[in-house]
PDB file of N, CA and C in Angstrom:
ATOM      1  N   MET A   1     110.571 152.818 168.851  1.00  0.00           N
ATOM      2  CA  MET A   1     111.509 151.968 169.276  1.00  0.00           C
ATOM      3  C   MET A   1     110.694 150.711 169.462  1.00  0.00           C
ATOM      4  N   PRO A   2     111.257 149.643 169.481  1.00  0.00           N
ATOM      5  CA  PRO A   2     111.001 147.855 168.715  1.00  0.00           C
ATOM      6  C   PRO A   2     110.800 147.525 169.818  1.00  0.00           C
ATOM      7  N   ARG A   3     110.061 145.999 169.687  1.00  0.00           N
ATOM      8  CA  ARG A   3     108.680 145.556 170.680  1.00  0.00           C
ATOM      9  C   ARG A   3     109.582 144.755 170.418  1.00  0.00           C
ATOM     10  N   TYR A   4     109.921 143.537 171.142  1.00  0.00           N
ATOM     11  CA  TYR A   4     109.443 141.747 171.114  1.00  0.00           C
ATOM     12  C   TYR A   4     108.370 140.975 170.919  1.00  0.00           C
ATOM     13  N   TRP A   5     108.330 139.886 170.361  1.00  0.00           N
ATOM     14  CA  TRP A   5     107.163 138.584 170.688  1.00  0.00           C
ATOM     15  C   TRP A   5     108.018 137.797 170.619  1.00  0.00           C
ATOM     16  N   VAL A   6     107.134 136.793 171.628  1.00  0.00           N
ATOM     17  CA  VAL A   6     107.497 135.184 171.491  1.00  0.00           C
ATOM     18  C   VAL A   6     106.415 134.666 170.919  1.00  0.00           C
ATOM     19  N   ILE A   7     106.702 133.966 169.761  1.00  0.00           N
ATOM     20  CA  ILE A   7     105.084 133.860 168.906  1.00  0.00           C
ATOM     21  C   ILE A   7     105.790 132.411 168.326  1.00  0.00           C
ATOM     22  N   GLY A   8     104.603 131.421 168.698  1.00  0.00           N
ATOM     23  CA  GLY A   8     105.094 129.669 168.426  1.00  0.00           C
ATOM     24  C   GLY A   8     103.728 128.763 169.153  1.00  0.00           C
ATOM     25  N   GLY A   9     103.779 127.839 169.257  1.00  0.00           N
ATOM     26  CA  GLY A   9     103.552 126.468 169.729  1.00  0.00           C
ATOM     27  C   GLY A   9     102.941 125.364 169.293  1.00  0.00           C
ATOM     28  N   GLU A  10     101.785 124.485 169.494  1.00  0.00           N
ATOM     29  CA  GLU A  10     102.047 123.518 169.005  1.00  0.00           C
ATOM     30  C   GLU A  10     101.932 123.258 167.733  1.00  0.00           C
ATOM     31  N   TYR A  11     102.933 122.217 166.640  1.00  0.00           N
ATOM     32  CA  TYR A  11     102.608 122.228 164.909  1.00  0.00           C
ATOM     33  C   TYR A  11     102.124 120.601 165.187  1.00  0.00           C
ATOM     34  N   LYS A  12     101.861 120.476 163.631  1.00  0.00           N
ATOM     35  CA  LYS A  12     101.770 119.067 163.411  1.00  0.00           C
ATOM     36  C   LYS A  12     102.373 118.409 162.909  1.00  0.00           C
ATOM     37  N   THR A  13     103.258 118.535 162.782  1.00  0.00           N
ATOM     38  CA  THR A  13     105.196 118.015 162.150  1.00  0.00           C
ATOM     39  C   THR A  13     106.159 118.486 162.489  1.00  0.00           C
ATOM     40  N   THR A  14     107.336 118.499 162.135  1.00  0.00           N
ATOM     41  CA  THR A  14     108.692 118.450 162.277  1.00  0.00           C
ATOM     42  C   THR A  14     109.304 119.203 161.944  1.00  0.00           C
ATOM     43  N   ASP A  15     108.445 119.427 160.159  1.00  0.00           N
ATOM     44  CA  ASP A  15     108.479 120.508 159.554  1.00  0.00           C
ATOM     45  C   ASP A  15     108.091 122.070 160.039  1.00  0.00           C
ATOM     46  N   PHE A  16     107.273 122.097 161.037  1.00  0.00           N
ATOM     47  CA  PHE A  16     106.823 123.862 161.560  1.00  0.00           C
ATOM     48  C   PHE A  16     106.601 124.819 160.335  1.00  0.00           C
ATOM     49  N   ARG A  17     105.347 124.253 159.854  1.00  0.00           N
ATOM     50  CA  ARG A  17     104.096 124.775 158.564  1.00  0.00           C
ATOM     51  C   ARG A  17     103.571 124.699 159.439  1.00  0.00           C
ATOM     52  N   ASP A  18     102.465 124.095 159.537  1.00  0.00           N
ATOM     53  CA  ASP A  18     101.237 124.019 159.887  1.00  0.00           C
ATOM     54  C   ASP A  18     101.186 123.715 161.852  1.00  0.00           C
ATOM     55  N   MET A  19     100.551 124.301 162.427  1.00  0.00           N
ATOM     56  CA  MET A  19      99.376 124.204 163.710  1.00  0.00           C
ATOM     57  C   MET A  19      98.568 123.192 163.662  1.00  0.00           C
ATOM     58  N   ALA A  20      98.697 122.214 165.038  1.00  0.00           N
ATOM     59  CA  ALA A  20      98.130 121.823 165.460  1.00  0.00           C
ATOM     60  C   ALA A  20      96.475 121.587 165.588  1.00  0.00           C
ATOM     61  N   ASN A  21      96.445 121.185 165.168  1.00  0.00           N
ATOM     62  CA  ASN A  21      94.416 121.066 165.251  1.00  0.00           C
ATOM     63  C   ASN A  21      93.911 122.539 164.929  1.00  0.00           C
ATOM     64  N   GLY A  22      94.595 122.869 164.265  1.00  0.00           N
ATOM     65  CA  GLY A  22      93.891 123.872 163.613  1.00  0.00           C
ATOM     66  C   GLY A  22      94.271 124.958 163.934  1.00  0.00           C
ATOM     67  N   LYS A  23      94.921 125.850 165.251  1.00  0.00           N
ATOM     68  CA  LYS A  23      94.563 126.733 166.028  1.00  0.00           C
ATOM     69  C   LYS A  23      96.174 127.100 165.477  1.00  0.00           C
ATOM     70  N   GLY A  24      95.737 128.818 166.006  1.00  0.00           N
ATOM     71  CA  GLY A  24      96.793 129.769 164.894  1.00  0.00           C
ATOM     72  C   GLY A  24      97.981 129.379 166.214  1.00  0.00           C
ATOM     73  N   PRO A  25      98.490 130.013 166.050  1.00  0.00           N
ATOM     74  CA  PRO A  25     100.254 130.615 167.060  1.00  0.00           C
ATOM     75  C   PRO A  25      99.398 131.412 168.401  1.00  0.00           C
ATOM     76  N   LEU A  26     100.175 130.938 169.536  1.00  0.00           N
ATOM     77  CA  LEU A  26     100.359 131.158 170.487  1.00  0.00           C
ATOM     78  C   LEU A  26     101.034 133.084 170.587  1.00  0.00           C
ATOM     79  N   ARG A  27     101.216 133.897 171.432  1.00  0.00           N
ATOM     80  CA  ARG A  27     101.969 135.312 171.211  1.00  0.00           C
ATOM     81  C   ARG A  27     102.036 135.419 172.865  1.00  0.00           C
ATOM     82  N   PHE A  28     103.218 135.792 172.958  1.00  0.00           N
ATOM     83  CA  PHE A  28     103.514 136.396 174.515  1.00  0.00           C
ATOM     84  C   PHE A  28     104.343 137.803 174.154  1.00  0.00           C
ATOM     85  N   GLY A  29     104.080 138.614 174.631  1.00  0.00           N
ATOM     86  CA  GLY A  29     104.161 140.495 174.376  1.00  0.00           C
ATOM     87  C   GLY A  29     103.078 141.128 174.396  1.00  0.00           C
ATOM     88  N   PRO A  30     103.803 141.769 174.099  1.00  0.00           N
ATOM     89  CA  PRO A  30     105.486 142.511 173.577  1.00  0.00           C
ATOM     90  C   PRO A  30     106.159 142.970 174.659  1.00  0.00           C
ATOM     91  N   PHE A  31     107.510 142.255 174.672  1.00  0.00           N
ATOM     92  CA  PHE A  31     108.526 143.018 175.667  1.00  0.00           C
ATOM     93  C   PHE A  31     109.258 143.780 175.089  1.00  0.00           C
ATOM     94  N   GLU A  32     109.447 144.672 175.608  1.00  0.00           N
ATOM     95  CA  GLU A  32     110.591 146.299 175.807  1.00  0.00           C
ATOM     96  C   GLU A  32     112.069 145.777 174.946  1.00  0.00           C
ATOM     97  N   THR A  33     112.222 144.950 175.917  1.00  0.00           N
ATOM     98  CA  THR A  33     113.912 144.557 175.487  1.00  0.00           C
ATOM     99  C   THR A  33     113.485 143.274 174.694  1.00  0.00           C
ATOM    100  N   TYR A  34     114.384 142.777 174.535  1.00  0.00           N
ATOM    101  CA  TYR A  34     114.800 141.396 174.012  1.00  0.00           C
ATOM    102  C   TYR A  34     115.393 140.572 174.561  1.00  0.00           C
ATOM    103  N   GLU A  35     115.974 141.196 175.781  1.00  0.00           N
ATOM    104  CA  GLU A  35     116.324 139.958 177.382  1.00  0.00           C
ATOM    105  C   GLU A  35     115.154 139.549 177.925  1.00  0.00           C
ATOM    106  N   GLN A  36     114.105 140.560 178.170  1.00  0.00           N
ATOM    107  CA  GLN A  36     112.605 139.824 178.901  1.00  0.00           C
ATOM    108  C   GLN A  36     111.948 139.101 178.088  1.00  0.00           C
ATOM    109  N   ALA A  37     111.975 138.972 176.152  1.00  0.00           N
ATOM    110  CA  ALA A  37     111.341 138.204 175.741  1.00  0.00           C
ATOM    111  C   ALA A  37     112.426 136.860 175.561  1.00  0.00           C
ATOM    112  N   LYS A  38     113.612 137.519 176.057  1.00  0.00           N
ATOM    113  CA  LYS A  38     114.277 135.688 175.807  1.00  0.00           C
ATOM    114  C   LYS A  38     114.182 134.714 176.699  1.00  0.00           C
ATOM    115  N   SER A  39     113.773 135.391 178.078  1.00  0.00           N
ATOM    116  CA  SER A  39     113.205 135.185 179.206  1.00  0.00           C
ATOM    117  C   SER A  39     112.115 134.564 179.302  1.00  0.00           C
ATOM    118  N   ALA A  40     110.997 134.830 178.311  1.00  0.00           N
ATOM    119  CA  ALA A  40     109.621 134.274 178.073  1.00  0.00           C
ATOM    120  C   ALA A  40     109.930 133.477 176.948  1.00  0.00           C
ATOM    121  N   TRP A  41     110.735 133.132 176.029  1.00  0.00           N
ATOM    122  CA  TRP A  41     110.873 132.365 175.471  1.00  0.00           C
ATOM    123  C   TRP A  41     111.884 130.705 175.855  1.00  0.00           C
ATOM    124  N   GLN A  42     112.039 130.938 176.846  1.00  0.00           N
ATOM    125  CA  GLN A  42     113.306 130.197 177.723  1.00  0.00           C
ATOM    126  C   GLN A  42     112.224 129.321 178.444  1.00  0.00           C
ATOM    127  N   ALA A  43     111.713 130.277 178.919  1.00  0.00           N
ATOM    128  CA  ALA A  43     110.232 129.364 179.958  1.00  0.00           C
ATOM    129  C   ALA A  43     109.494 129.034 178.841  1.00  0.00           C
ATOM    130  N   GLN A  44     108.676 129.095 177.573  1.00  0.00           N
ATOM    131  CA  GLN A  44     107.738 128.304 177.068  1.00  0.00           C
ATOM    132  C   GLN A  44     108.642 127.370 176.138  1.00  0.00           C
ATOM    133  N   SER A  45     109.677 127.495 175.866  1.00  0.00           N
ATOM    134  CA  SER A  45     110.657 126.256 175.467  1.00  0.00           C
ATOM    135  C   SER A  45     110.830 125.304 176.430  1.00  0.00           C
ATOM    136  N   TRP A  46     111.540 125.874 177.332  1.00  0.00           N
ATOM    137  CA  TRP A  46     111.320 124.473 178.467  1.00  0.00           C
ATOM    138  C   TRP A  46     110.119 124.109 178.839  1.00  0.00           C
ATOM    139  N   ALA A  47     108.958 124.762 178.929  1.00  0.00           N
ATOM    140  CA  ALA A  47     108.047 124.181 179.588  1.00  0.00           C
ATOM    141  C   ALA A  47     106.994 122.649 178.577  1.00  0.00           C
ATOM    142  N   ASN A  48     107.555 122.818 177.355  1.00  0.00           N
ATOM    143  CA  ASN A  48     107.482 122.091 175.959  1.00  0.00           C
ATOM    144  C   ASN A  48     108.864 121.153 175.556  1.00  0.00           C
ATOM    145  N   VAL A  49     109.817 121.298 176.164  1.00  0.00           N
ATOM    146  CA  VAL A  49     110.833 120.175 176.154  1.00  0.00           C
ATOM    147  C   VAL A  49     110.941 119.331 175.257  1.00  0.00           C
ATOM    148  N   ASP A  50     109.824 118.491 176.187  1.00  0.00           N
ATOM    149  CA  ASP A  50     109.087 117.187 175.740  1.00  0.00           C
ATOM    150  C   ASP A  50     109.020 116.533 174.678  1.00  0.00           C
ATOM    151  N   SER A  51     108.612 118.005 174.280  1.00  0.00           N
ATOM    152  CA  SER A  51     107.551 117.838 173.088  1.00  0.00           C
ATOM    153  C   SER A  51     108.343 118.242 171.250  1.00  0.00           C
ATOM    154  N   CYS A  52     108.809 117.390 170.834  1.00  0.00           N
ATOM    155  CA  CYS A  52     109.574 117.611 169.748  1.00  0.00           C
ATOM    156  C   CYS A  52     108.794 118.191 168.172  1.00  0.00           C
ATOM    157  N   HIS A  53     106.837 119.001 168.483  1.00  0.00           N
ATOM    158  CA  HIS A  53     106.844 120.045 168.319  1.00  0.00           C
ATOM    159  C   HIS A  53     105.650 121.086 168.448  1.00  0.00           C
ATOM    160  N   HIS A  54     106.248 121.470 169.323  1.00  0.00           N
ATOM    161  CA  HIS A  54     106.655 122.548 169.549  1.00  0.00           C
ATOM    162  C   HIS A  54     108.095 123.414 169.335  1.00  0.00           C
ATOM    163  N   ARG A  55     107.242 124.656 168.960  1.00  0.00           N
ATOM    164  CA  ARG A  55     108.843 125.689 168.753  1.00  0.00           C
ATOM    165  C   ARG A  55     107.987 126.966 168.948  1.00  0.00           C
ATOM    166  N   PHE A  56     109.109 127.729 169.274  1.00  0.00           N
ATOM    167  CA  PHE A  56     108.924 129.276 169.720  1.00  0.00           C
ATOM    168  C   PHE A  56     110.257 130.248 169.167  1.00  0.00           C
ATOM    169  N   THR A  57     109.968 131.226 168.725  1.00  0.00           N
ATOM    170  CA  THR A  57     110.507 132.181 168.159  1.00  0.00           C
ATOM    171  C   THR A  57     109.799 133.955 168.788  1.00  0.00           C
ATOM    172  N   ILE A  58     111.592 134.121 168.860  1.00  0.00           N
ATOM    173  CA  ILE A  58     111.502 135.601 169.392  1.00  0.00           C
ATOM    174  C   ILE A  58     111.620 136.396 167.962  1.00  0.00           C
ATOM    175  N   VAL A  59     109.959 137.459 168.082  1.00  0.00           N
ATOM    176  CA  VAL A  59     110.200 138.415 166.610  1.00  0.00           C
ATOM    177  C   VAL A  59     110.467 139.976 167.161  1.00  0.00           C
ATOM    178  N   LYS A  60     111.185 140.792 166.002  1.00  0.00           N
ATOM    179  CA  LYS A  60     111.350 142.068 166.768  1.00  0.00           C
ATOM    180  C   LYS A  60     110.041 142.618 165.575  1.00  0.00           C
ATOM    181  N   ASP A  61     109.371 143.398 166.006  1.00  0.00           N
ATOM    182  CA  ASP A  61     108.800 144.243 165.770  1.00  0.00           C
ATOM    183  C   ASP A  61     108.509 145.468 165.849  1.00  0.00           C
ATOM    184  N   GLU A  62     109.473 146.202 164.439  1.00  0.00           N
ATOM    185  CA  GLU A  62     110.094 147.232 163.765  1.00  0.00           C
ATOM    186  C   GLU A  62     109.462 148.332 163.851  1.00  0.00           C
ATOM    187  N   GLY A  63     108.475 147.991 163.279  1.00  0.00           N
ATOM    188  CA  GLY A  63     106.647 149.164 163.496  1.00  0.00           C
ATOM    189  C   GLY A  63     106.294 149.814 164.375  1.00  0.00           C
ATOM    190  N   ALA A  64     106.608 149.528 165.827  1.00  0.00           N
ATOM    191  CA  ALA A  64     105.452 149.602 166.733  1.00  0.00           C
ATOM    192  C   ALA A  64     105.706 151.476 167.126  1.00  0.00           C
ATOM    193  N   ARG A  65     105.484 151.795 167.225  1.00  0.00           N
ATOM    194  CA  ARG A  65     105.351 153.200 167.795  1.00  0.00           C
ATOM    195  C   ARG A  65     105.014 153.244 169.106  1.00  0.00           C
ATOM    196  N   ASP A  66     105.887 154.341 169.892  1.00  0.00           N
ATOM    197  CA  ASP A  66     105.658 154.787 171.218  1.00  0.00           C
ATOM    198  C   ASP A  66     104.280 154.903 171.521  1.00  0.00           C
ATOM    199  N   GLY A  67     103.979 154.390 172.732  1.00  0.00           N
ATOM    200  CA  GLY A  67     102.368 154.336 173.336  1.00  0.00           C
ATOM    201  C   GLY A  67     101.248 153.128 172.809  1.00  0.00           C
ATOM    202  N   ASP A  68     101.772 152.260 171.408  1.00  0.00           N
ATOM    203  CA  ASP A  68     100.635 151.424 170.656  1.00  0.00           C
ATOM    204  C   ASP A  68     100.875 150.265 171.250  1.00  0.00           C
ATOM    205  N   LYS A  69     100.236 149.914 172.264  1.00  0.00           N
ATOM    206  CA  LYS A  69     100.044 148.571 172.536  1.00  0.00           C
ATOM    207  C   LYS A  69      99.560 147.322 171.978  1.00  0.00           C
ATOM    208  N   SER A  70      98.792 147.607 170.448  1.00  0.00           N
ATOM    209  CA  SER A  70      98.305 147.000 169.995  1.00  0.00           C
ATOM    210  C   SER A  70      99.410 145.725 169.164  1.00  0.00           C
ATOM    211  N   ALA A  71      98.546 144.732 169.386  1.00  0.00           N
ATOM    212  CA  ALA A  71      98.923 143.127 168.568  1.00  0.00           C
ATOM    213  C   ALA A  71     100.107 143.535 167.594  1.00  0.00           C
ATOM    214  N   ALA A  72     100.813 142.731 167.221  1.00  0.00           N
ATOM    215  CA  ALA A  72     101.408 142.783 165.863  1.00  0.00           C
ATOM    216  C   ALA A  72     100.954 142.488 164.874  1.00  0.00           C
TER     217      ALA A  72
END
């Protein structure tokens, strides 16, 4: 069963290649449905709506196995 993650955060520039301050991306999840992930994505996106350096995306984890709760 696929799981969904919301991944992103603050980037150095609007080319969205390198994270700000050398930090890694933030992860939220896993979520069992796309709708749950979309809700989390919206919350993070709206919380940072005034910052052009923030970006979040929904990632589908096809390799997840039932009962596996480890990070993608």
